Amino acid sequence: MAWLSVFDKWGLVFEREAALEVIAVFSRFEGLFPSFVTHFSKELTKDCPPVTLTRVEPWFVDLLVTESGSAAHAGGKAAPRVLLFHVHSVFPSSYVFCGTSLPSGV
């Protein structure tokens, strides 16, 4: 799994179940590859970051919820906080690895 090797490269430590949950969500989102994350962390793309210091941005949550097809999100329910925490933790690891800082947000 490409994501597991990238998590290791970035120094991100997850319990296996948490890592697999994040990978499952990312894998169902067409076009969400490790390169998507690194484009932001290397500051190749700065507009509309998916994650800031304090949160996963609403537009990115919407995409993850819509693309994941998770029954937990059906009917307009909010994404589980634990999942958002895990998704959020992926980005800072990449930013640290690249020697950059997460955007502060609005």
PDB file of N, CA and C in Angstrom:
ATOM      1  N   MET A   1       0.836  -1.184   0.000  1.00  0.00           N
ATOM      2  CA  MET A   1       0.000   0.000   0.000  1.00  0.00           C
ATOM      3  C   MET A   1       0.878   1.244   0.000  1.00  0.00           C
ATOM      4  N   ALA A   2       0.667   2.059  -0.997  1.00  0.00           N
ATOM      5  CA  ALA A   2       1.482   3.263  -1.140  1.00  0.00           C
ATOM      6  C   ALA A   2       1.347   4.182   0.071  1.00  0.00           C
ATOM      7  N   TRP A   3       0.120   4.325   0.585  1.00  0.00           N
ATOM      8  CA  TRP A   3      -0.085   5.227   1.709  1.00  0.00           C
ATOM      9  C   TRP A   3       0.689   4.779   2.936  1.00  0.00           C
ATOM     10  N   LEU A   4       0.727   3.485   3.236  1.00  0.00           N
ATOM     11  CA  LEU A   4       1.460   3.014   4.420  1.00  0.00           C
ATOM     12  C   LEU A   4       2.936   3.357   4.324  1.00  0.00           C
ATOM     13  N   SER A   5       3.514   3.185   3.147  1.00  0.00           N
ATOM     14  CA  SER A   5       4.938   3.506   3.001  1.00  0.00           C
ATOM     15  C   SER A   5       5.180   5.014   3.124  1.00  0.00           C
ATOM     16  N   VAL A   6       4.240   5.805   2.622  1.00  0.00           N
ATOM     17  CA  VAL A   6       4.360   7.264   2.748  1.00  0.00           C
ATOM     18  C   VAL A   6       4.213   7.682   4.209  1.00  0.00           C
ATOM     19  N   PHE A   7       3.266   7.070   4.926  1.00  0.00           N
ATOM     20  CA  PHE A   7       3.116   7.369   6.356  1.00  0.00           C
ATOM     21  C   PHE A   7       4.428   7.085   7.081  1.00  0.00           C
ATOM     22  N   ASP A   8       5.052   5.960   6.774  1.00  0.00           N
ATOM     23  CA  ASP A   8       6.346   5.625   7.391  1.00  0.00           C
ATOM     24  C   ASP A   8       7.408   6.657   7.024  1.00  0.00           C
ATOM     25  N   LYS A   9       7.462   7.027   5.762  1.00  0.00           N
ATOM     26  CA  LYS A   9       8.444   8.008   5.283  1.00  0.00           C
ATOM     27  C   LYS A   9       8.289   9.338   6.007  1.00  0.00           C
ATOM     28  N   TRP A  10       7.040   9.757   6.223  1.00  0.00           N
ATOM     29  CA  TRP A  10       6.767  11.022   6.886  1.00  0.00           C
ATOM     30  C   TRP A  10       6.884  10.927   8.401  1.00  0.00           C
ATOM     31  N   GLY A  11       7.106   9.724   8.947  1.00  0.00           N
ATOM     32  CA  GLY A  11       7.230   9.556  10.392  1.00  0.00           C
ATOM     33  C   GLY A  11       5.904   9.549  11.118  1.00  0.00           C
ATOM     34  N   LEU A  12       4.829   9.295  10.393  1.00  0.00           N
ATOM     35  CA  LEU A  12       3.486   9.272  10.975  1.00  0.00           C
ATOM     36  C   LEU A  12       3.231   7.905  11.597  1.00  0.00           C
ATOM     37  N   VAL A  13       2.897   7.916  12.868  1.00  0.00           N
ATOM     38  CA  VAL A  13       2.638   6.671  13.583  1.00  0.00           C
ATOM     39  C   VAL A  13       1.144   6.561  13.849  1.00  0.00           C
ATOM     40  N   PHE A  14       0.551   5.520  13.306  1.00  0.00           N
ATOM     41  CA  PHE A  14      -0.864   5.225  13.491  1.00  0.00           C
ATOM     42  C   PHE A  14      -0.996   3.804  14.029  1.00  0.00           C
ATOM     43  N   GLU A  15      -2.042   3.569  14.802  1.00  0.00           N
ATOM     44  CA  GLU A  15      -2.412   2.189  15.059  1.00  0.00           C
ATOM     45  C   GLU A  15      -2.874   1.648  13.716  1.00  0.00           C
ATOM     46  N   ARG A  16      -2.671   0.378  13.485  1.00  0.00           N
ATOM     47  CA  ARG A  16      -2.969  -0.205  12.174  1.00  0.00           C
ATOM     48  C   ARG A  16      -4.416   0.059  11.734  1.00  0.00           C
ATOM     49  N   GLU A  17      -5.366  -0.111  12.634  1.00  0.00           N
ATOM     50  CA  GLU A  17      -6.772   0.095  12.267  1.00  0.00           C
ATOM     51  C   GLU A  17      -7.035   1.533  11.842  1.00  0.00           C
ATOM     52  N   ALA A  18      -6.439   2.482  12.542  1.00  0.00           N
ATOM     53  CA  ALA A  18      -6.624   3.894  12.195  1.00  0.00           C
ATOM     54  C   ALA A  18      -6.012   4.182  10.826  1.00  0.00           C
ATOM     55  N   ALA A  19      -4.820   3.650  10.588  1.00  0.00           N
ATOM     56  CA  ALA A  19      -4.166   3.852   9.297  1.00  0.00           C
ATOM     57  C   ALA A  19      -5.014   3.277   8.168  1.00  0.00           C
ATOM     58  N   LEU A  20      -5.543   2.096   8.365  1.00  0.00           N
ATOM     59  CA  LEU A  20      -6.362   1.467   7.331  1.00  0.00           C
ATOM     60  C   LEU A  20      -7.663   2.220   7.090  1.00  0.00           C
ATOM     61  N   GLU A  21      -8.225   2.813   8.145  1.00  0.00           N
ATOM     62  CA  GLU A  21      -9.446   3.611   7.984  1.00  0.00           C
ATOM     63  C   GLU A  21      -9.163   4.855   7.145  1.00  0.00           C
ATOM     64  N   VAL A  22      -8.082   5.539   7.446  1.00  0.00           N
ATOM     65  CA  VAL A  22      -7.722   6.732   6.675  1.00  0.00           C
ATOM     66  C   VAL A  22      -7.421   6.350   5.225  1.00  0.00           C
ATOM     67  N   ILE A  23      -6.687   5.275   5.043  1.00  0.00           N
ATOM     68  CA  ILE A  23      -6.361   4.820   3.693  1.00  0.00           C
ATOM     69  C   ILE A  23      -7.628   4.446   2.930  1.00  0.00           C
ATOM     70  N   ALA A  24      -8.571   3.811   3.597  1.00  0.00           N
ATOM     71  CA  ALA A  24      -9.831   3.444   2.940  1.00  0.00           C
ATOM     72  C   ALA A  24     -10.580   4.687   2.469  1.00  0.00           C
ATOM     73  N   VAL A  25     -10.622   5.717   3.290  1.00  0.00           N
ATOM     74  CA  VAL A  25     -11.295   6.962   2.903  1.00  0.00           C
ATOM     75  C   VAL A  25     -10.535   7.624   1.760  1.00  0.00           C
ATOM     76  N   PHE A  26      -9.219   7.747   1.888  1.00  0.00           N
ATOM     77  CA  PHE A  26      -8.419   8.378   0.842  1.00  0.00           C
ATOM     78  C   PHE A  26      -8.525   7.602  -0.473  1.00  0.00           C
ATOM     79  N   SER A  27      -8.551   6.291  -0.399  1.00  0.00           N
ATOM     80  CA  SER A  27      -8.570   5.459  -1.600  1.00  0.00           C
ATOM     81  C   SER A  27      -9.863   5.587  -2.383  1.00  0.00           C
ATOM     82  N   ARG A  28     -10.940   5.895  -1.713  1.00  0.00           N
ATOM     83  CA  ARG A  28     -12.224   6.052  -2.405  1.00  0.00           C
ATOM     84  C   ARG A  28     -12.389   7.445  -2.995  1.00  0.00           C
ATOM     85  N   PHE A  29     -11.479   8.334  -2.688  1.00  0.00           N
ATOM     86  CA  PHE A  29     -11.524   9.704  -3.185  1.00  0.00           C
ATOM     87  C   PHE A  29     -10.647   9.753  -4.432  1.00  0.00           C
ATOM     88  N   GLU A  30     -11.281   9.801  -5.592  1.00  0.00           N
ATOM     89  CA  GLU A  30     -10.551   9.787  -6.844  1.00  0.00           C
ATOM     90  C   GLU A  30      -9.560  10.953  -6.909  1.00  0.00           C
ATOM     91  N   GLY A  31      -8.320  10.627  -7.141  1.00  0.00           N
ATOM     92  CA  GLY A  31      -7.296  11.649  -7.272  1.00  0.00           C
ATOM     93  C   GLY A  31      -6.583  12.014  -5.985  1.00  0.00           C
ATOM     94  N   LEU A  32      -6.973  11.401  -4.882  1.00  0.00           N
ATOM     95  CA  LEU A  32      -6.290  11.706  -3.615  1.00  0.00           C
ATOM     96  C   LEU A  32      -5.164  10.704  -3.408  1.00  0.00           C
ATOM     97  N   PHE A  33      -4.006  11.096  -3.861  1.00  0.00           N
ATOM     98  CA  PHE A  33      -2.788  10.301  -3.739  1.00  0.00           C
ATOM     99  C   PHE A  33      -1.838  11.043  -2.815  1.00  0.00           C
ATOM    100  N   PRO A  34      -0.773  10.392  -2.381  1.00  0.00           N
ATOM    101  CA  PRO A  34       0.209  11.107  -1.561  1.00  0.00           C
ATOM    102  C   PRO A  34       0.702  12.398  -2.214  1.00  0.00           C
ATOM    103  N   SER A  35       0.762  12.428  -3.526  1.00  0.00           N
ATOM    104  CA  SER A  35       1.221  13.641  -4.215  1.00  0.00           C
ATOM    105  C   SER A  35       0.283  14.827  -3.979  1.00  0.00           C
ATOM    106  N   PHE A  36      -1.012  14.561  -3.757  1.00  0.00           N
ATOM    107  CA  PHE A  36      -1.952  15.632  -3.436  1.00  0.00           C
ATOM    108  C   PHE A  36      -1.506  16.329  -2.151  1.00  0.00           C
ATOM    109  N   VAL A  37      -1.139  15.542  -1.159  1.00  0.00           N
ATOM    110  CA  VAL A  37      -0.696  16.080   0.130  1.00  0.00           C
ATOM    111  C   VAL A  37       0.631  16.818  -0.038  1.00  0.00           C
ATOM    112  N   THR A  38       1.567  16.218  -0.763  1.00  0.00           N
ATOM    113  CA  THR A  38       2.885  16.836  -0.895  1.00  0.00           C
ATOM    114  C   THR A  38       2.857  18.119  -1.722  1.00  0.00           C
ATOM    115  N   HIS A  39       1.901  18.253  -2.634  1.00  0.00           N
ATOM    116  CA  HIS A  39       1.800  19.523  -3.371  1.00  0.00           C
ATOM    117  C   HIS A  39       1.542  20.685  -2.410  1.00  0.00           C
ATOM    118  N   PHE A  40       0.762  20.434  -1.387  1.00  0.00           N
ATOM    119  CA  PHE A  40       0.504  21.472  -0.385  1.00  0.00           C
ATOM    120  C   PHE A  40       1.693  21.609   0.568  1.00  0.00           C
ATOM    121  N   SER A  41       2.236  20.502   1.030  1.00  0.00           N
ATOM    122  CA  SER A  41       3.309  20.573   2.024  1.00  0.00           C
ATOM    123  C   SER A  41       4.615  21.116   1.438  1.00  0.00           C
ATOM    124  N   LYS A  42       4.818  20.936   0.141  1.00  0.00           N
ATOM    125  CA  LYS A  42       5.994  21.524  -0.506  1.00  0.00           C
ATOM    126  C   LYS A  42       5.714  22.944  -0.978  1.00  0.00           C
ATOM    127  N   GLU A  43       4.503  23.416  -0.689  1.00  0.00           N
ATOM    128  CA  GLU A  43       4.056  24.764  -1.058  1.00  0.00           C
ATOM    129  C   GLU A  43       4.050  24.990  -2.569  1.00  0.00           C
ATOM    130  N   LEU A  44       3.813  23.920  -3.323  1.00  0.00           N
ATOM    131  CA  LEU A  44       3.625  24.053  -4.760  1.00  0.00           C
ATOM    132  C   LEU A  44       2.223  24.595  -5.043  1.00  0.00           C
ATOM    133  N   THR A  45       1.314  24.300  -4.143  1.00  0.00           N
ATOM    134  CA  THR A  45      -0.062  24.791  -4.201  1.00  0.00           C
ATOM    135  C   THR A  45      -0.371  25.407  -2.851  1.00  0.00           C
ATOM    136  N   LYS A  46      -0.809  26.658  -2.854  1.00  0.00           N
ATOM    137  CA  LYS A  46      -1.094  27.344  -1.594  1.00  0.00           C
ATOM    138  C   LYS A  46      -2.560  27.721  -1.437  1.00  0.00           C
ATOM    139  N   ASP A  47      -3.296  27.801  -2.535  1.00  0.00           N
ATOM    140  CA  ASP A  47      -4.690  28.219  -2.472  1.00  0.00           C
ATOM    141  C   ASP A  47      -5.573  27.096  -1.944  1.00  0.00           C
ATOM    142  N   CYS A  48      -6.482  27.459  -1.065  1.00  0.00           N
ATOM    143  CA  CYS A  48      -7.496  26.538  -0.531  1.00  0.00           C
ATOM    144  C   CYS A  48      -6.898  25.237   0.014  1.00  0.00           C
ATOM    145  N   PRO A  49      -6.021  25.327   0.999  1.00  0.00           N
ATOM    146  CA  PRO A  49      -5.448  24.095   1.545  1.00  0.00           C
ATOM    147  C   PRO A  49      -6.540  23.241   2.195  1.00  0.00           C
ATOM    148  N   PRO A  50      -6.427  21.923   2.106  1.00  0.00           N
ATOM    149  CA  PRO A  50      -7.435  21.046   2.684  1.00  0.00           C
ATOM    150  C   PRO A  50      -7.411  21.012   4.207  1.00  0.00           C
ATOM    151  N   VAL A  51      -6.261  21.344   4.771  1.00  0.00           N
ATOM    152  CA  VAL A  51      -6.075  21.285   6.221  1.00  0.00           C
ATOM    153  C   VAL A  51      -5.300  22.516   6.666  1.00  0.00           C
ATOM    154  N   THR A  52      -5.704  23.092   7.800  1.00  0.00           N
ATOM    155  CA  THR A  52      -4.960  24.189   8.408  1.00  0.00           C
ATOM    156  C   THR A  52      -4.486  23.726   9.786  1.00  0.00           C
ATOM    157  N   LEU A  53      -3.861  24.632  10.509  1.00  0.00           N
ATOM    158  CA  LEU A  53      -3.379  24.280  11.854  1.00  0.00           C
ATOM    159  C   LEU A  53      -4.484  23.733  12.749  1.00  0.00           C
ATOM    160  N   THR A  54      -5.671  24.244  12.599  1.00  0.00           N
ATOM    161  CA  THR A  54      -6.728  23.926  13.559  1.00  0.00           C
ATOM    162  C   THR A  54      -7.799  22.965  13.078  1.00  0.00           C
ATOM    163  N   ARG A  55      -7.874  22.725  11.754  1.00  0.00           N
ATOM    164  CA  ARG A  55      -8.989  21.894  11.306  1.00  0.00           C
ATOM    165  C   ARG A  55      -8.788  21.338   9.899  1.00  0.00           C
ATOM    166  N   VAL A  56      -9.636  20.376   9.586  1.00  0.00           N
ATOM    167  CA  VAL A  56      -9.801  19.927   8.205  1.00  0.00           C
ATOM    168  C   VAL A  56     -10.832  20.885   7.605  1.00  0.00           C
ATOM    169  N   GLU A  57     -10.491  21.516   6.523  1.00  0.00           N
ATOM    170  CA  GLU A  57     -11.360  22.529   5.937  1.00  0.00           C
ATOM    171  C   GLU A  57     -12.683  21.922   5.472  1.00  0.00           C
ATOM    172  N   PRO A  58     -13.769  22.676   5.632  1.00  0.00           N
ATOM    173  CA  PRO A  58     -15.098  22.153   5.282  1.00  0.00           C
ATOM    174  C   PRO A  58     -15.213  21.591   3.864  1.00  0.00           C
ATOM    175  N   TRP A  59     -14.583  22.247   2.891  1.00  0.00           N
ATOM    176  CA  TRP A  59     -14.683  21.749   1.514  1.00  0.00           C
ATOM    177  C   TRP A  59     -14.052  20.372   1.389  1.00  0.00           C
ATOM    178  N   PHE A  60     -12.960  20.129   2.152  1.00  0.00           N
ATOM    179  CA  PHE A  60     -12.279  18.843   2.078  1.00  0.00           C
ATOM    180  C   PHE A  60     -13.088  17.772   2.811  1.00  0.00           C
ATOM    181  N   VAL A  61     -13.690  18.147   3.936  1.00  0.00           N
ATOM    182  CA  VAL A  61     -14.576  17.215   4.645  1.00  0.00           C
ATOM    183  C   VAL A  61     -15.711  16.804   3.718  1.00  0.00           C
ATOM    184  N   ASP A  62     -16.304  17.777   3.031  1.00  0.00           N
ATOM    185  CA  ASP A  62     -17.400  17.475   2.108  1.00  0.00           C
ATOM    186  C   ASP A  62     -16.959  16.490   1.024  1.00  0.00           C
ATOM    187  N   LEU A  63     -15.786  16.709   0.468  1.00  0.00           N
ATOM    188  CA  LEU A  63     -15.288  15.792  -0.558  1.00  0.00           C
ATOM    189  C   LEU A  63     -15.029  14.398   0.005  1.00  0.00           C
ATOM    190  N   LEU A  64     -14.427  14.345   1.178  1.00  0.00           N
ATOM    191  CA  LEU A  64     -14.161  13.037   1.780  1.00  0.00           C
ATOM    192  C   LEU A  64     -15.451  12.304   2.086  1.00  0.00           C
ATOM    193  N   VAL A  65     -16.414  13.024   2.603  1.00  0.00           N
ATOM    194  CA  VAL A  65     -17.697  12.413   2.961  1.00  0.00           C
ATOM    195  C   VAL A  65     -18.416  11.938   1.697  1.00  0.00           C
ATOM    196  N   THR A  66     -18.450  12.779   0.682  1.00  0.00           N
ATOM    197  CA  THR A  66     -19.142  12.445  -0.552  1.00  0.00           C
ATOM    198  C   THR A  66     -18.460  11.291  -1.269  1.00  0.00           C
ATOM    199  N   GLU A  67     -17.161  11.346  -1.388  1.00  0.00           N
ATOM    200  CA  GLU A  67     -16.417  10.325  -2.119  1.00  0.00           C
ATOM    201  C   GLU A  67     -16.296   9.022  -1.358  1.00  0.00           C
ATOM    202  N   SER A  68     -16.331   9.080  -0.018  1.00  0.00           N
ATOM    203  CA  SER A  68     -16.109   7.853   0.751  1.00  0.00           C
ATOM    204  C   SER A  68     -17.281   6.905   0.673  1.00  0.00           C
ATOM    205  N   GLY A  69     -18.487   7.464   0.485  1.00  0.00           N
ATOM    206  CA  GLY A  69     -19.663   6.620   0.426  1.00  0.00           C
ATOM    207  C   GLY A  69     -19.977   5.940   1.746  1.00  0.00           C
ATOM    208  N   SER A  70     -19.409   6.439   2.803  1.00  0.00           N
ATOM    209  CA  SER A  70     -19.590   5.821   4.109  1.00  0.00           C
ATOM    210  C   SER A  70     -21.013   6.002   4.602  1.00  0.00           C
ATOM    211  N   ALA A  71     -21.590   4.926   5.087  1.00  0.00           N
ATOM    212  CA  ALA A  71     -22.947   4.989   5.644  1.00  0.00           C
ATOM    213  C   ALA A  71     -22.994   5.907   6.858  1.00  0.00           C
ATOM    214  N   ALA A  72     -21.886   6.055   7.540  1.00  0.00           N
ATOM    215  CA  ALA A  72     -21.827   6.920   8.723  1.00  0.00           C
ATOM    216  C   ALA A  72     -22.092   8.374   8.352  1.00  0.00           C
ATOM    217  N   HIS A  73     -21.853   8.715   7.097  1.00  0.00           N
ATOM    218  CA  HIS A  73     -22.003  10.098   6.665  1.00  0.00           C
ATOM    219  C   HIS A  73     -23.319  10.355   5.943  1.00  0.00           C
ATOM    220  N   ALA A  74     -24.077   9.321   5.718  1.00  0.00           N
ATOM    221  CA  ALA A  74     -25.321   9.461   4.957  1.00  0.00           C
ATOM    222  C   ALA A  74     -26.301  10.364   5.691  1.00  0.00           C
ATOM    223  N   GLY A  75     -27.136  11.019   4.954  1.00  0.00           N
ATOM    224  CA  GLY A  75     -28.177  11.854   5.552  1.00  0.00           C
ATOM    225  C   GLY A  75     -27.659  13.135   6.157  1.00  0.00           C
ATOM    226  N   GLY A  76     -26.487  13.609   5.720  1.00  0.00           N
ATOM    227  CA  GLY A  76     -25.975  14.873   6.206  1.00  0.00           C
ATOM    228  C   GLY A  76     -25.348  14.809   7.588  1.00  0.00           C
ATOM    229  N   LYS A  77     -25.092  13.622   8.092  1.00  0.00           N
ATOM    230  CA  LYS A  77     -24.445  13.510   9.396  1.00  0.00           C
ATOM    231  C   LYS A  77     -23.010  13.985   9.293  1.00  0.00           C
ATOM    232  N   ALA A  78     -22.500  14.470  10.392  1.00  0.00           N
ATOM    233  CA  ALA A  78     -21.121  14.954  10.422  1.00  0.00           C
ATOM    234  C   ALA A  78     -20.149  13.780  10.353  1.00  0.00           C
ATOM    235  N   ALA A  79     -18.971  14.054   9.816  1.00  0.00           N
ATOM    236  CA  ALA A  79     -17.921  13.043   9.792  1.00  0.00           C
ATOM    237  C   ALA A  79     -17.474  12.773  11.225  1.00  0.00           C
ATOM    238  N   PRO A  80     -17.174  11.534  11.553  1.00  0.00           N
ATOM    239  CA  PRO A  80     -16.725  11.221  12.909  1.00  0.00           C
ATOM    240  C   PRO A  80     -15.465  12.008  13.284  1.00  0.00           C
ATOM    241  N   ARG A  81     -15.452  12.537  14.492  1.00  0.00           N
ATOM    242  CA  ARG A  81     -14.312  13.349  14.947  1.00  0.00           C
ATOM    243  C   ARG A  81     -13.005  12.579  14.921  1.00  0.00           C
ATOM    244  N   VAL A  82     -13.067  11.302  15.271  1.00  0.00           N
ATOM    245  CA  VAL A  82     -11.835  10.505  15.287  1.00  0.00           C
ATOM    246  C   VAL A  82     -11.263  10.406  13.884  1.00  0.00           C
ATOM    247  N   LEU A  83     -12.127  10.202  12.893  1.00  0.00           N
ATOM    248  CA  LEU A  83     -11.653  10.133  11.518  1.00  0.00           C
ATOM    249  C   LEU A  83     -11.043  11.466  11.096  1.00  0.00           C
ATOM    250  N   LEU A  84     -11.703  12.563  11.423  1.00  0.00           N
ATOM    251  CA  LEU A  84     -11.163  13.877  11.069  1.00  0.00           C
ATOM    252  C   LEU A  84      -9.819  14.121  11.753  1.00  0.00           C
ATOM    253  N   PHE A  85      -9.692  13.674  12.993  1.00  0.00           N
ATOM    254  CA  PHE A  85      -8.418  13.800  13.706  1.00  0.00           C
ATOM    255  C   PHE A  85      -7.319  13.051  12.952  1.00  0.00           C
ATOM    256  N   HIS A  86      -7.631  11.824  12.534  1.00  0.00           N
ATOM    257  CA  HIS A  86      -6.632  11.022  11.817  1.00  0.00           C
ATOM    258  C   HIS A  86      -6.302  11.628  10.452  1.00  0.00           C
ATOM    259  N   VAL A  87      -7.324  12.087   9.740  1.00  0.00           N
ATOM    260  CA  VAL A  87      -7.088  12.738   8.449  1.00  0.00           C
ATOM    261  C   VAL A  87      -6.229  13.985   8.658  1.00  0.00           C
ATOM    262  N   HIS A  88      -6.562  14.766   9.676  1.00  0.00           N
ATOM    263  CA  HIS A  88      -5.793  15.981   9.960  1.00  0.00           C
ATOM    264  C   HIS A  88      -4.334  15.654  10.263  1.00  0.00           C
ATOM    265  N   SER A  89      -4.071  14.577  10.957  1.00  0.00           N
ATOM    266  CA  SER A  89      -2.697  14.251  11.357  1.00  0.00           C
ATOM    267  C   SER A  89      -1.802  13.872  10.187  1.00  0.00           C
ATOM    268  N   VAL A  90      -2.361  13.463   9.074  1.00  0.00           N
ATOM    269  CA  VAL A  90      -1.557  13.113   7.896  1.00  0.00           C
ATOM    270  C   VAL A  90      -0.824  14.344   7.365  1.00  0.00           C
ATOM    271  N   PHE A  91      -1.522  15.447   7.294  1.00  0.00           N
ATOM    272  CA  PHE A  91      -0.957  16.642   6.666  1.00  0.00           C
ATOM    273  C   PHE A  91       0.216  17.246   7.437  1.00  0.00           C
ATOM    274  N   PRO A  92       0.118  17.452   8.758  1.00  0.00           N
ATOM    275  CA  PRO A  92       1.277  18.010   9.466  1.00  0.00           C
ATOM    276  C   PRO A  92       2.531  17.145   9.332  1.00  0.00           C
ATOM    277  N   SER A  93       2.344  15.844   9.276  1.00  0.00           N
ATOM    278  CA  SER A  93       3.501  14.951   9.118  1.00  0.00           C
ATOM    279  C   SER A  93       4.220  15.230   7.802  1.00  0.00           C
ATOM    280  N   SER A  94       3.447  15.439   6.757  1.00  0.00           N
ATOM    281  CA  SER A  94       4.037  15.751   5.459  1.00  0.00           C
ATOM    282  C   SER A  94       4.706  17.121   5.474  1.00  0.00           C
ATOM    283  N   TYR A  95       4.055  18.090   6.099  1.00  0.00           N
ATOM    284  CA  TYR A  95       4.634  19.435   6.180  1.00  0.00           C
ATOM    285  C   TYR A  95       5.959  19.414   6.948  1.00  0.00           C
ATOM    286  N   VAL A  96       5.994  18.706   8.063  1.00  0.00           N
ATOM    287  CA  VAL A  96       7.234  18.603   8.841  1.00  0.00           C
ATOM    288  C   VAL A  96       8.316  17.937   8.003  1.00  0.00           C
ATOM    289  N   PHE A  97       7.965  16.861   7.328  1.00  0.00           N
ATOM    290  CA  PHE A  97       8.916  16.154   6.483  1.00  0.00           C
ATOM    291  C   PHE A  97       9.493  17.088   5.420  1.00  0.00           C
ATOM    292  N   CYS A  98       8.654  17.954   4.877  1.00  0.00           N
ATOM    293  CA  CYS A  98       9.086  18.885   3.819  1.00  0.00           C
ATOM    294  C   CYS A  98       9.710  20.164   4.354  1.00  0.00           C
ATOM    295  N   GLY A  99       9.675  20.336   5.688  1.00  0.00           N
ATOM    296  CA  GLY A  99      10.281  21.512   6.301  1.00  0.00           C
ATOM    297  C   GLY A  99       9.456  22.780   6.152  1.00  0.00           C
ATOM    298  N   THR A 100       8.149  22.613   6.040  1.00  0.00           N
ATOM    299  CA  THR A 100       7.259  23.758   5.916  1.00  0.00           C
ATOM    300  C   THR A 100       6.226  23.719   7.048  1.00  0.00           C
ATOM    301  N   SER A 101       5.400  24.742   7.113  1.00  0.00           N
ATOM    302  CA  SER A 101       4.404  24.838   8.173  1.00  0.00           C
ATOM    303  C   SER A 101       2.989  24.803   7.594  1.00  0.00           C
ATOM    304  N   LEU A 102       2.092  24.201   8.352  1.00  0.00           N
ATOM    305  CA  LEU A 102       0.690  24.209   7.970  1.00  0.00           C
ATOM    306  C   LEU A 102       0.183  25.639   7.904  1.00  0.00           C
ATOM    307  N   PRO A 103      -0.709  25.921   6.966  1.00  0.00           N
ATOM    308  CA  PRO A 103      -1.295  27.264   6.937  1.00  0.00           C
ATOM    309  C   PRO A 103      -2.125  27.512   8.192  1.00  0.00           C
ATOM    310  N   SER A 104      -2.173  28.764   8.606  1.00  0.00           N
ATOM    311  CA  SER A 104      -2.889  29.099   9.822  1.00  0.00           C
ATOM    312  C   SER A 104      -4.399  29.143   9.636  1.00  0.00           C
ATOM    313  N   GLY A 105      -4.852  29.260   8.427  1.00  0.00           N
ATOM    314  CA  GLY A 105      -6.290  29.323   8.175  1.00  0.00           C
ATOM    315  C   GLY A 105      -6.774  30.739   8.100  1.00  0.00           C
ATOM    316  N   VAL A 106      -8.086  30.884   8.206  1.00  0.00           N
ATOM    317  CA  VAL A 106      -8.715  32.193   8.055  1.00  0.00           C
ATOM    318  C   VAL A 106      -8.524  33.034   9.286  1.00  0.00           C
TER     319      VAL A 106
END
